Amino acid sequence: MALQIDQENVREGSMTQALELQTAKVPSLAYLVLAGGAIALSMALAATQKNKGWANFVGLWVPSLLLMGVYNKIVKVEGSDQGGGNFH
């Protein structure tokens, strides 16, 4: 049994719209630069410390930053929801 969703009546909450409006102001390149910086910092920490815990911790930021960049790009291209505005 497939779940049927009426796309015309699906609306984002006001908090989601406010968040997307603010994050759409951030350039998509910023997330890529931050992810690259996290990679470089993780490598530097791994090279200079005996305990690799901090290097691993910082290295784990990379996928999250890249995913936030993808989400940011989708919000800019597609808008908030079907009835929402376009944030270009």
PDB file of N, CA and C in Angstrom:
ATOM      1  N   MET A   1       0.844  -1.166   0.000  1.00  0.00           N
ATOM      2  CA  MET A   1       0.000   0.000   0.000  1.00  0.00           C
ATOM      3  C   MET A   1       0.897   1.239   0.000  1.00  0.00           C
ATOM      4  N   ALA A   2       0.786   2.053  -1.013  1.00  0.00           N
ATOM      5  CA  ALA A   2       1.617   3.247  -1.139  1.00  0.00           C
ATOM      6  C   ALA A   2       0.954   4.426  -0.433  1.00  0.00           C
ATOM      7  N   LEU A   3       1.780   5.252   0.157  1.00  0.00           N
ATOM      8  CA  LEU A   3       1.291   6.444   0.834  1.00  0.00           C
ATOM      9  C   LEU A   3       1.070   7.550  -0.188  1.00  0.00           C
ATOM     10  N   GLN A   4      -0.123   8.062  -0.250  1.00  0.00           N
ATOM     11  CA  GLN A   4      -0.453   9.131  -1.178  1.00  0.00           C
ATOM     12  C   GLN A   4      -0.363  10.475  -0.467  1.00  0.00           C
ATOM     13  N   ILE A   5       0.377  11.417  -1.052  1.00  0.00           N
ATOM     14  CA  ILE A   5       0.527  12.748  -0.471  1.00  0.00           C
ATOM     15  C   ILE A   5      -0.021  13.773  -1.448  1.00  0.00           C
ATOM     16  N   ASP A   6      -0.907  14.596  -0.974  1.00  0.00           N
ATOM     17  CA  ASP A   6      -1.463  15.668  -1.786  1.00  0.00           C
ATOM     18  C   ASP A   6      -0.475  16.833  -1.780  1.00  0.00           C
ATOM     19  N   GLN A   7       0.314  16.969  -2.848  1.00  0.00           N
ATOM     20  CA  GLN A   7       1.377  17.971  -2.905  1.00  0.00           C
ATOM     21  C   GLN A   7       0.845  19.413  -2.844  1.00  0.00           C
ATOM     22  N   GLU A   8      -0.371  19.622  -3.277  1.00  0.00           N
ATOM     23  CA  GLU A   8      -0.912  20.982  -3.277  1.00  0.00           C
ATOM     24  C   GLU A   8      -1.158  21.506  -1.869  1.00  0.00           C
ATOM     25  N   ASN A   9      -1.407  20.619  -0.908  1.00  0.00           N
ATOM     26  CA  ASN A   9      -1.719  21.041   0.451  1.00  0.00           C
ATOM     27  C   ASN A   9      -0.539  20.898   1.410  1.00  0.00           C
ATOM     28  N   VAL A  10       0.630  20.487   0.904  1.00  0.00           N
ATOM     29  CA  VAL A  10       1.811  20.353   1.754  1.00  0.00           C
ATOM     30  C   VAL A  10       2.487  21.717   1.846  1.00  0.00           C
ATOM     31  N   ARG A  11       2.669  22.206   3.064  1.00  0.00           N
ATOM     32  CA  ARG A  11       3.278  23.518   3.281  1.00  0.00           C
ATOM     33  C   ARG A  11       4.352  23.375   4.338  1.00  0.00           C
ATOM     34  N   GLU A  12       5.423  24.111   4.170  1.00  0.00           N
ATOM     35  CA  GLU A  12       6.487  24.126   5.167  1.00  0.00           C
ATOM     36  C   GLU A  12       6.048  24.999   6.339  1.00  0.00           C
ATOM     37  N   GLY A  13       6.587  24.701   7.509  1.00  0.00           N
ATOM     38  CA  GLY A  13       6.295  25.508   8.676  1.00  0.00           C
ATOM     39  C   GLY A  13       6.994  26.855   8.602  1.00  0.00           C
ATOM     40  N   SER A  14       6.550  27.790   9.408  1.00  0.00           N
ATOM     41  CA  SER A  14       7.125  29.139   9.379  1.00  0.00           C
ATOM     42  C   SER A  14       8.582  29.133   9.824  1.00  0.00           C
ATOM     43  N   MET A  15       8.934  28.238  10.753  1.00  0.00           N
ATOM     44  CA  MET A  15      10.320  28.161  11.199  1.00  0.00           C
ATOM     45  C   MET A  15      11.225  27.651  10.069  1.00  0.00           C
ATOM     46  N   THR A  16      10.753  26.669   9.336  1.00  0.00           N
ATOM     47  CA  THR A  16      11.519  26.144   8.208  1.00  0.00           C
ATOM     48  C   THR A  16      11.709  27.205   7.143  1.00  0.00           C
ATOM     49  N   GLN A  17      10.663  27.944   6.851  1.00  0.00           N
ATOM     50  CA  GLN A  17      10.770  29.012   5.849  1.00  0.00           C
ATOM     51  C   GLN A  17      11.751  30.086   6.299  1.00  0.00           C
ATOM     52  N   ALA A  18      11.717  30.468   7.570  1.00  0.00           N
ATOM     53  CA  ALA A  18      12.640  31.483   8.074  1.00  0.00           C
ATOM     54  C   ALA A  18      14.083  30.988   7.998  1.00  0.00           C
ATOM     55  N   LEU A  19      14.308  29.721   8.349  1.00  0.00           N
ATOM     56  CA  LEU A  19      15.642  29.136   8.286  1.00  0.00           C
ATOM     57  C   LEU A  19      16.148  29.093   6.849  1.00  0.00           C
ATOM     58  N   GLU A  20      15.305  28.655   5.924  1.00  0.00           N
ATOM     59  CA  GLU A  20      15.704  28.574   4.524  1.00  0.00           C
ATOM     60  C   GLU A  20      15.956  29.955   3.932  1.00  0.00           C
ATOM     61  N   LEU A  21      15.200  30.935   4.357  1.00  0.00           N
ATOM     62  CA  LEU A  21      15.416  32.297   3.877  1.00  0.00           C
ATOM     63  C   LEU A  21      16.787  32.811   4.306  1.00  0.00           C
ATOM     64  N   GLN A  22      17.190  32.509   5.531  1.00  0.00           N
ATOM     65  CA  GLN A  22      18.499  32.953   6.023  1.00  0.00           C
ATOM     66  C   GLN A  22      19.634  32.157   5.386  1.00  0.00           C
ATOM     67  N   THR A  23      19.485  30.829   5.276  1.00  0.00           N
ATOM     68  CA  THR A  23      20.563  30.024   4.708  1.00  0.00           C
ATOM     69  C   THR A  23      20.730  30.267   3.215  1.00  0.00           C
ATOM     70  N   ALA A  24      19.679  30.697   2.539  1.00  0.00           N
ATOM     71  CA  ALA A  24      19.788  30.997   1.111  1.00  0.00           C
ATOM     72  C   ALA A  24      20.673  32.211   0.856  1.00  0.00           C
ATOM     73  N   LYS A  25      20.908  33.011   1.874  1.00  0.00           N
ATOM     74  CA  LYS A  25      21.780  34.182   1.734  1.00  0.00           C
ATOM     75  C   LYS A  25      23.260  33.805   1.717  1.00  0.00           C
ATOM     76  N   VAL A  26      23.583  32.604   2.209  1.00  0.00           N
ATOM     77  CA  VAL A  26      24.971  32.149   2.270  1.00  0.00           C
ATOM     78  C   VAL A  26      25.348  31.601   0.903  1.00  0.00           C
ATOM     79  N   PRO A  27      26.476  32.043   0.324  1.00  0.00           N
ATOM     80  CA  PRO A  27      26.895  31.500  -0.972  1.00  0.00           C
ATOM     81  C   PRO A  27      27.195  30.002  -0.864  1.00  0.00           C
ATOM     82  N   SER A  28      26.840  29.248  -1.874  1.00  0.00           N
ATOM     83  CA  SER A  28      27.068  27.805  -1.871  1.00  0.00           C
ATOM     84  C   SER A  28      28.555  27.481  -1.794  1.00  0.00           C
ATOM     85  N   LEU A  29      29.385  28.336  -2.350  1.00  0.00           N
ATOM     86  CA  LEU A  29      30.832  28.117  -2.319  1.00  0.00           C
ATOM     87  C   LEU A  29      31.369  28.150  -0.888  1.00  0.00           C
ATOM     88  N   ALA A  30      30.710  28.850   0.010  1.00  0.00           N
ATOM     89  CA  ALA A  30      31.176  28.948   1.395  1.00  0.00           C
ATOM     90  C   ALA A  30      31.225  27.569   2.054  1.00  0.00           C
ATOM     91  N   TYR A  31      30.234  26.727   1.782  1.00  0.00           N
ATOM     92  CA  TYR A  31      30.221  25.392   2.377  1.00  0.00           C
ATOM     93  C   TYR A  31      31.360  24.532   1.829  1.00  0.00           C
ATOM     94  N   LEU A  32      31.663  24.690   0.536  1.00  0.00           N
ATOM     95  CA  LEU A  32      32.761  23.942  -0.066  1.00  0.00           C
ATOM     96  C   LEU A  32      34.098  24.398   0.516  1.00  0.00           C
ATOM     97  N   VAL A  33      34.260  25.705   0.706  1.00  0.00           N
ATOM     98  CA  VAL A  33      35.494  26.245   1.296  1.00  0.00           C
ATOM     99  C   VAL A  33      35.641  25.768   2.742  1.00  0.00           C
ATOM    100  N   LEU A  34      34.561  25.796   3.509  1.00  0.00           N
ATOM    101  CA  LEU A  34      34.617  25.308   4.889  1.00  0.00           C
ATOM    102  C   LEU A  34      34.971  23.825   4.947  1.00  0.00           C
ATOM    103  N   ALA A  35      34.416  23.024   4.044  1.00  0.00           N
ATOM    104  CA  ALA A  35      34.735  21.592   4.014  1.00  0.00           C
ATOM    105  C   ALA A  35      36.208  21.386   3.667  1.00  0.00           C
ATOM    106  N   GLY A  36      36.716  22.146   2.705  1.00  0.00           N
ATOM    107  CA  GLY A  36      38.137  22.064   2.358  1.00  0.00           C
ATOM    108  C   GLY A  36      39.024  22.481   3.517  1.00  0.00           C
ATOM    109  N   GLY A  37      38.615  23.508   4.237  1.00  0.00           N
ATOM    110  CA  GLY A  37      39.356  23.949   5.411  1.00  0.00           C
ATOM    111  C   GLY A  37      39.365  22.893   6.502  1.00  0.00           C
ATOM    112  N   ALA A  38      38.244  22.211   6.668  1.00  0.00           N
ATOM    113  CA  ALA A  38      38.172  21.137   7.667  1.00  0.00           C
ATOM    114  C   ALA A  38      39.093  19.979   7.285  1.00  0.00           C
ATOM    115  N   ILE A  39      39.175  19.687   5.997  1.00  0.00           N
ATOM    116  CA  ILE A  39      40.092  18.640   5.537  1.00  0.00           C
ATOM    117  C   ILE A  39      41.532  19.034   5.844  1.00  0.00           C
ATOM    118  N   ALA A  40      41.892  20.270   5.499  1.00  0.00           N
ATOM    119  CA  ALA A  40      43.265  20.739   5.731  1.00  0.00           C
ATOM    120  C   ALA A  40      43.593  20.759   7.229  1.00  0.00           C
ATOM    121  N   LEU A  41      42.660  21.234   8.040  1.00  0.00           N
ATOM    122  CA  LEU A  41      42.883  21.274   9.487  1.00  0.00           C
ATOM    123  C   LEU A  41      43.008  19.863  10.057  1.00  0.00           C
ATOM    124  N   SER A  42      42.190  18.954   9.581  1.00  0.00           N
ATOM    125  CA  SER A  42      42.269  17.573  10.037  1.00  0.00           C
ATOM    126  C   SER A  42      43.618  16.948   9.677  1.00  0.00           C
ATOM    127  N   MET A  43      44.082  17.208   8.472  1.00  0.00           N
ATOM    128  CA  MET A  43      45.385  16.685   8.060  1.00  0.00           C
ATOM    129  C   MET A  43      46.511  17.279   8.897  1.00  0.00           C
ATOM    130  N   ALA A  44      46.415  18.580   9.176  1.00  0.00           N
ATOM    131  CA  ALA A  44      47.447  19.233   9.989  1.00  0.00           C
ATOM    132  C   ALA A  44      47.448  18.676  11.409  1.00  0.00           C
ATOM    133  N   LEU A  45      46.288  18.480  11.977  1.00  0.00           N
ATOM    134  CA  LEU A  45      46.194  17.907  13.321  1.00  0.00           C
ATOM    135  C   LEU A  45      46.738  16.476  13.345  1.00  0.00           C
ATOM    136  N   ALA A  46      46.448  15.706  12.312  1.00  0.00           N
ATOM    137  CA  ALA A  46      46.933  14.332  12.253  1.00  0.00           C
ATOM    138  C   ALA A  46      48.449  14.284  12.138  1.00  0.00           C
ATOM    139  N   ALA A  47      49.023  15.259  11.450  1.00  0.00           N
ATOM    140  CA  ALA A  47      50.469  15.267  11.247  1.00  0.00           C
ATOM    141  C   ALA A  47      51.229  15.766  12.472  1.00  0.00           C
ATOM    142  N   THR A  48      50.585  16.569  13.305  1.00  0.00           N
ATOM    143  CA  THR A  48      51.300  17.214  14.406  1.00  0.00           C
ATOM    144  C   THR A  48      50.997  16.646  15.780  1.00  0.00           C
ATOM    145  N   GLN A  49      50.016  15.785  15.908  1.00  0.00           N
ATOM    146  CA  GLN A  49      49.635  15.277  17.232  1.00  0.00           C
ATOM    147  C   GLN A  49      49.774  13.761  17.297  1.00  0.00           C
ATOM    148  N   LYS A  50      50.152  13.285  18.470  1.00  0.00           N
ATOM    149  CA  LYS A  50      50.180  11.838  18.695  1.00  0.00           C
ATOM    150  C   LYS A  50      48.758  11.294  18.799  1.00  0.00           C
ATOM    151  N   ASN A  51      47.917  12.018  19.516  1.00  0.00           N
ATOM    152  CA  ASN A  51      46.526  11.615  19.688  1.00  0.00           C
ATOM    153  C   ASN A  51      45.739  12.113  18.475  1.00  0.00           C
ATOM    154  N   LYS A  52      45.233  11.184  17.685  1.00  0.00           N
ATOM    155  CA  LYS A  52      44.529  11.536  16.440  1.00  0.00           C
ATOM    156  C   LYS A  52      43.042  11.828  16.665  1.00  0.00           C
ATOM    157  N   GLY A  53      42.608  11.878  17.920  1.00  0.00           N
ATOM    158  CA  GLY A  53      41.195  12.099  18.207  1.00  0.00           C
ATOM    159  C   GLY A  53      40.665  13.406  17.651  1.00  0.00           C
ATOM    160  N   TRP A  54      41.402  14.491  17.833  1.00  0.00           N
ATOM    161  CA  TRP A  54      40.957  15.791  17.317  1.00  0.00           C
ATOM    162  C   TRP A  54      40.950  15.813  15.790  1.00  0.00           C
ATOM    163  N   ALA A  55      41.947  15.161  15.182  1.00  0.00           N
ATOM    164  CA  ALA A  55      41.999  15.102  13.717  1.00  0.00           C
ATOM    165  C   ALA A  55      40.766  14.368  13.177  1.00  0.00           C
ATOM    166  N   ASN A  56      40.404  13.277  13.817  1.00  0.00           N
ATOM    167  CA  ASN A  56      39.207  12.538  13.394  1.00  0.00           C
ATOM    168  C   ASN A  56      37.943  13.362  13.618  1.00  0.00           C
ATOM    169  N   PHE A  57      37.880  14.045  14.759  1.00  0.00           N
ATOM    170  CA  PHE A  57      36.712  14.870  15.073  1.00  0.00           C
ATOM    171  C   PHE A  57      36.501  15.947  14.016  1.00  0.00           C
ATOM    172  N   VAL A  58      37.563  16.652  13.671  1.00  0.00           N
ATOM    173  CA  VAL A  58      37.454  17.715  12.663  1.00  0.00           C
ATOM    174  C   VAL A  58      37.167  17.115  11.284  1.00  0.00           C
ATOM    175  N   GLY A  59      37.767  15.970  10.985  1.00  0.00           N
ATOM    176  CA  GLY A  59      37.522  15.317   9.702  1.00  0.00           C
ATOM    177  C   GLY A  59      36.072  14.890   9.516  1.00  0.00           C
ATOM    178  N   LEU A  60      35.391  14.614  10.612  1.00  0.00           N
ATOM    179  CA  LEU A  60      33.984  14.230  10.527  1.00  0.00           C
ATOM    180  C   LEU A  60      33.061  15.403  10.207  1.00  0.00           C
ATOM    181  N   TRP A  61      33.577  16.618  10.250  1.00  0.00           N
ATOM    182  CA  TRP A  61      32.763  17.779   9.883  1.00  0.00           C
ATOM    183  C   TRP A  61      32.523  17.836   8.377  1.00  0.00           C
ATOM    184  N   VAL A  62      33.437  17.276   7.594  1.00  0.00           N
ATOM    185  CA  VAL A  62      33.407  17.435   6.134  1.00  0.00           C
ATOM    186  C   VAL A  62      32.102  16.963   5.510  1.00  0.00           C
ATOM    187  N   PRO A  63      31.626  15.748   5.759  1.00  0.00           N
ATOM    188  CA  PRO A  63      30.375  15.335   5.121  1.00  0.00           C
ATOM    189  C   PRO A  63      29.180  16.201   5.534  1.00  0.00           C
ATOM    190  N   SER A  64      29.167  16.638   6.778  1.00  0.00           N
ATOM    191  CA  SER A  64      28.059  17.492   7.229  1.00  0.00           C
ATOM    192  C   SER A  64      28.071  18.828   6.500  1.00  0.00           C
ATOM    193  N   LEU A  65      29.244  19.415   6.353  1.00  0.00           N
ATOM    194  CA  LEU A  65      29.349  20.694   5.653  1.00  0.00           C
ATOM    195  C   LEU A  65      28.952  20.554   4.184  1.00  0.00           C
ATOM    196  N   LEU A  66      29.381  19.481   3.547  1.00  0.00           N
ATOM    197  CA  LEU A  66      29.016  19.263   2.151  1.00  0.00           C
ATOM    198  C   LEU A  66      27.514  19.023   2.001  1.00  0.00           C
ATOM    199  N   LEU A  67      26.918  18.300   2.939  1.00  0.00           N
ATOM    200  CA  LEU A  67      25.477  18.074   2.886  1.00  0.00           C
ATOM    201  C   LEU A  67      24.702  19.372   3.096  1.00  0.00           C
ATOM    202  N   MET A  68      25.178  20.226   3.990  1.00  0.00           N
ATOM    203  CA  MET A  68      24.528  21.535   4.174  1.00  0.00           C
ATOM    204  C   MET A  68      24.638  22.364   2.897  1.00  0.00           C
ATOM    205  N   GLY A  69      25.764  22.247   2.188  1.00  0.00           N
ATOM    206  CA  GLY A  69      25.913  22.956   0.917  1.00  0.00           C
ATOM    207  C   GLY A  69      24.939  22.450  -0.133  1.00  0.00           C
ATOM    208  N   VAL A  70      24.728  21.147  -0.185  1.00  0.00           N
ATOM    209  CA  VAL A  70      23.764  20.572  -1.128  1.00  0.00           C
ATOM    210  C   VAL A  70      22.353  21.043  -0.782  1.00  0.00           C
ATOM    211  N   TYR A  71      22.012  21.011   0.507  1.00  0.00           N
ATOM    212  CA  TYR A  71      20.693  21.484   0.941  1.00  0.00           C
ATOM    213  C   TYR A  71      20.509  22.958   0.574  1.00  0.00           C
ATOM    214  N   ASN A  72      21.536  23.753   0.807  1.00  0.00           N
ATOM    215  CA  ASN A  72      21.490  25.176   0.482  1.00  0.00           C
ATOM    216  C   ASN A  72      21.236  25.364  -1.009  1.00  0.00           C
ATOM    217  N   LYS A  73      21.919  24.594  -1.837  1.00  0.00           N
ATOM    218  CA  LYS A  73      21.749  24.710  -3.283  1.00  0.00           C
ATOM    219  C   LYS A  73      20.345  24.318  -3.706  1.00  0.00           C
ATOM    220  N   ILE A  74      19.805  23.252  -3.111  1.00  0.00           N
ATOM    221  CA  ILE A  74      18.444  22.821  -3.444  1.00  0.00           C
ATOM    222  C   ILE A  74      17.436  23.895  -3.069  1.00  0.00           C
ATOM    223  N   VAL A  75      17.605  24.507  -1.906  1.00  0.00           N
ATOM    224  CA  VAL A  75      16.688  25.564  -1.480  1.00  0.00           C
ATOM    225  C   VAL A  75      16.750  26.745  -2.440  1.00  0.00           C
ATOM    226  N   LYS A  76      17.941  27.077  -2.903  1.00  0.00           N
ATOM    227  CA  LYS A  76      18.076  28.201  -3.839  1.00  0.00           C
ATOM    228  C   LYS A  76      17.436  27.899  -5.184  1.00  0.00           C
ATOM    229  N   VAL A  77      17.571  26.664  -5.650  1.00  0.00           N
ATOM    230  CA  VAL A  77      17.058  26.310  -6.968  1.00  0.00           C
ATOM    231  C   VAL A  77      15.558  26.026  -6.942  1.00  0.00           C
ATOM    232  N   GLU A  78      15.116  25.261  -5.951  1.00  0.00           N
ATOM    233  CA  GLU A  78      13.735  24.806  -5.912  1.00  0.00           C
ATOM    234  C   GLU A  78      12.811  25.671  -5.060  1.00  0.00           C
ATOM    235  N   GLY A  79      13.336  26.460  -4.175  1.00  0.00           N
ATOM    236  CA  GLY A  79      12.497  27.223  -3.278  1.00  0.00           C
ATOM    237  C   GLY A  79      12.112  26.388  -2.069  1.00  0.00           C
ATOM    238  N   SER A  80      11.307  26.929  -1.191  1.00  0.00           N
ATOM    239  CA  SER A  80      10.957  26.271   0.056  1.00  0.00           C
ATOM    240  C   SER A  80      10.008  25.100  -0.159  1.00  0.00           C
ATOM    241  N   ASP A  81       8.900  25.331  -0.801  1.00  0.00           N
ATOM    242  CA  ASP A  81       7.939  24.269  -1.105  1.00  0.00           C
ATOM    243  C   ASP A  81       7.269  24.631  -2.421  1.00  0.00           C
ATOM    244  N   GLN A  82       6.306  23.865  -2.815  1.00  0.00           N
ATOM    245  CA  GLN A  82       5.661  24.093  -4.126  1.00  0.00           C
ATOM    246  C   GLN A  82       5.035  25.477  -4.204  1.00  0.00           C
ATOM    247  N   GLY A  83       4.490  25.962  -3.107  1.00  0.00           N
ATOM    248  CA  GLY A  83       3.833  27.261  -3.127  1.00  0.00           C
ATOM    249  C   GLY A  83       4.746  28.373  -2.667  1.00  0.00           C
ATOM    250  N   GLY A  84       5.952  28.014  -2.197  1.00  0.00           N
ATOM    251  CA  GLY A  84       6.855  28.995  -1.624  1.00  0.00           C
ATOM    252  C   GLY A  84       7.575  29.787  -2.687  1.00  0.00           C
ATOM    253  N   GLY A  85       8.239  30.833  -2.214  1.00  0.00           N
ATOM    254  CA  GLY A  85       8.958  31.695  -3.120  1.00  0.00           C
ATOM    255  C   GLY A  85      10.268  31.085  -3.569  1.00  0.00           C
ATOM    256  N   ASN A  86      10.807  31.647  -4.615  1.00  0.00           N
ATOM    257  CA  ASN A  86      12.095  31.214  -5.135  1.00  0.00           C
ATOM    258  C   ASN A  86      13.153  32.116  -4.537  1.00  0.00           C
ATOM    259  N   PHE A  87      14.206  31.553  -3.953  1.00  0.00           N
ATOM    260  CA  PHE A  87      15.178  32.326  -3.194  1.00  0.00           C
ATOM    261  C   PHE A  87      16.399  32.729  -3.999  1.00  0.00           C
ATOM    262  N   HIS A  88      16.316  32.774  -5.324  1.00  0.00           N
ATOM    263  CA  HIS A  88      17.507  33.097  -6.131  1.00  0.00           C
ATOM    264  C   HIS A  88      18.108  34.391  -5.705  1.00  0.00           C
TER     265      HIS A  88
END
